[in-house]
Protein backbone atom coordinates (compact mmCIF):
# COMPACT_ATOMS: atom_id res chain seq x y z
CA MET A 1 28.45 10.52 -12.27
CA SER A 2 28.64 7.01 -11.32
CA SER A 3 27.97 4.89 -14.41
CA LYS A 4 26.21 2.43 -11.71
CA LEU A 5 23.27 4.66 -10.97
CA GLU A 6 22.94 6.36 -14.51
CA ARG A 7 19.30 5.85 -15.98
CA ALA A 8 18.25 6.29 -19.61
CA THR A 9 15.94 9.45 -18.86
CA GLN A 10 16.00 12.64 -16.95
CA ASP A 11 12.32 12.13 -15.58
CA HIS A 12 11.54 12.01 -12.04
CA TYR A 13 8.94 9.30 -11.02
CA THR A 14 7.65 8.52 -7.42
CA LEU A 15 7.89 5.06 -5.89
CA ALA A 16 3.93 4.68 -6.65
CA GLU A 17 4.33 5.46 -10.43
CA ILE A 18 7.25 2.70 -10.30
CA GLU A 19 5.28 0.00 -8.52
CA LYS A 20 2.34 0.71 -10.75
CA THR A 21 4.49 0.37 -13.69
CA LEU A 22 5.83 -2.92 -12.65
CA LYS A 23 2.45 -4.08 -11.70
CA ASN A 24 1.04 -3.34 -14.81
CA ARG A 25 3.48 -4.28 -17.30
CA GLU A 26 1.16 -5.62 -20.28
CA LEU A 27 -0.94 -2.42 -20.17
CA SER A 28 2.41 -0.17 -20.04
CA TYR A 29 3.72 -2.33 -22.90
CA SER A 30 0.78 -2.03 -24.99
CA TYR A 31 0.81 1.95 -24.53
CA ALA A 32 4.64 2.09 -25.50
CA GLU A 33 3.84 0.13 -28.45
CA GLN A 34 1.24 2.85 -29.50
CA GLY A 35 4.30 5.36 -29.28
CA ASP A 36 3.66 6.68 -25.93
CA LEU A 37 7.23 8.03 -25.31
CA ASP A 38 6.34 9.01 -21.68
CA ILE A 39 5.32 5.19 -20.75
CA VAL A 40 8.63 3.88 -22.54
CA HIS A 41 10.77 6.33 -20.24
CA LEU A 42 8.46 5.00 -17.09
CA ILE A 43 9.26 1.37 -18.33
CA ILE A 44 13.00 1.95 -18.52
CA ASP A 45 13.34 3.74 -15.35
CA SER A 46 11.04 1.13 -13.45
CA GLU A 47 12.96 -1.54 -14.61
CA LYS A 48 16.61 0.10 -13.89
CA ALA A 49 15.18 1.17 -10.56
CA LEU A 50 14.28 -2.20 -9.60
CA GLU A 51 17.62 -3.65 -10.99
CA LEU A 52 19.51 -0.78 -8.83
CA ALA A 53 17.48 -1.75 -5.59
CA GLN A 54 19.41 -5.09 -5.75
CA PRO A 55 16.56 -7.26 -4.85
CA THR A 56 17.32 -10.67 -2.85
CA GLU A 57 16.05 -13.91 -4.68
CA ILE A 58 13.11 -13.95 -2.54
CA GLN A 59 12.12 -10.35 -3.42
CA LYS A 60 12.79 -10.94 -7.16
CA MET A 61 10.32 -14.00 -6.68
CA THR A 62 7.76 -11.91 -4.70
CA VAL A 63 7.72 -9.16 -7.41
CA ASP A 64 7.16 -11.41 -10.08
CA LEU A 65 4.47 -13.08 -8.25
CA VAL A 66 2.48 -10.27 -6.94
CA TRP A 67 3.57 -7.42 -8.93
CA ARG A 68 3.85 -9.10 -12.37
CA GLN A 69 1.62 -12.19 -12.30
CA GLY A 70 -1.06 -10.61 -9.68
CA TYR A 71 -1.17 -13.29 -7.01
CA THR A 72 -2.40 -12.19 -3.72
CA LEU A 73 -0.18 -12.09 -0.65
CA VAL A 74 -1.56 -15.46 0.63
CA GLU A 75 -1.60 -17.32 -2.67
CA THR A 76 2.25 -16.17 -3.02
CA GLY A 77 3.05 -16.95 0.81
CA LYS A 78 1.84 -20.49 -0.14
CA MET A 79 3.97 -20.90 -3.39
CA LEU A 80 7.00 -19.47 -1.84
CA GLY A 81 6.47 -21.35 1.74
CA VAL A 82 6.34 -18.26 3.75
CA THR A 83 3.35 -16.18 5.57
CA PRO A 84 1.72 -13.54 3.87
CA GLN A 85 2.97 -11.18 6.54
CA ALA A 86 6.56 -12.18 5.29
CA VAL A 87 5.57 -11.52 1.53
CA LYS A 88 4.29 -8.06 2.47
CA PHE A 89 7.33 -7.34 4.49
CA ASN A 90 9.60 -8.24 1.45
CA LEU A 91 7.53 -6.07 -0.51
CA GLY A 92 8.15 -3.27 1.88
CA LEU A 93 11.92 -3.77 2.07
CA LEU A 94 12.11 -3.68 -1.62
CA LYS A 95 9.88 -0.37 -1.74
CA VAL A 96 12.32 0.93 0.65
CA LYS A 97 15.52 0.03 -1.80
CA ILE A 98 13.77 1.32 -4.90
CA GLN A 99 12.81 4.80 -3.29
CA LYS A 100 16.70 4.97 -1.90
CA VAL A 101 17.69 4.57 -5.87
CA LEU A 102 14.92 7.42 -6.93
CA ASP A 103 16.31 9.44 -3.91
CA GLU A 104 20.02 8.93 -5.27
CA TRP A 105 18.80 10.13 -8.81
CA LYS A 106 17.54 13.25 -7.29
CA VAL A 107 20.48 13.87 -5.62
CA MET A 108 22.60 13.14 -8.99
CA ASP A 109 20.30 15.43 -10.93
CA LYS A 110 21.14 18.64 -8.61
CA GLY A 111 24.57 17.98 -9.06
CA GLY A 112 25.25 16.10 -5.82
CA GLU A 113 27.56 13.09 -5.03
CA VAL A 114 26.14 9.81 -4.19
CA ALA A 115 27.50 7.94 -1.40
């Protein structure tokens, strides 16, 4: 197994769960602080999946503004000097990258080799 793709848990999460966790960071952390180990695992895997997706700088800024700070596509576009469509496009590309990481984890869990 490639150490680059290793994760902390063996749980399987969907893209929707990863995105929800990244969007609701404060709420997730509050549950984690109360001892919810399932949320702790989800937080760890969400952050790891985002890191392994290797987002571009603009995607990192977009995630921070839209998912973590809750700005709209229009507001984010204005801050980044791009159109709201470009913001949505960058988030869409990042979701594809994250899904690839999740798919690779599933292959690895089944004992397969990841290209």
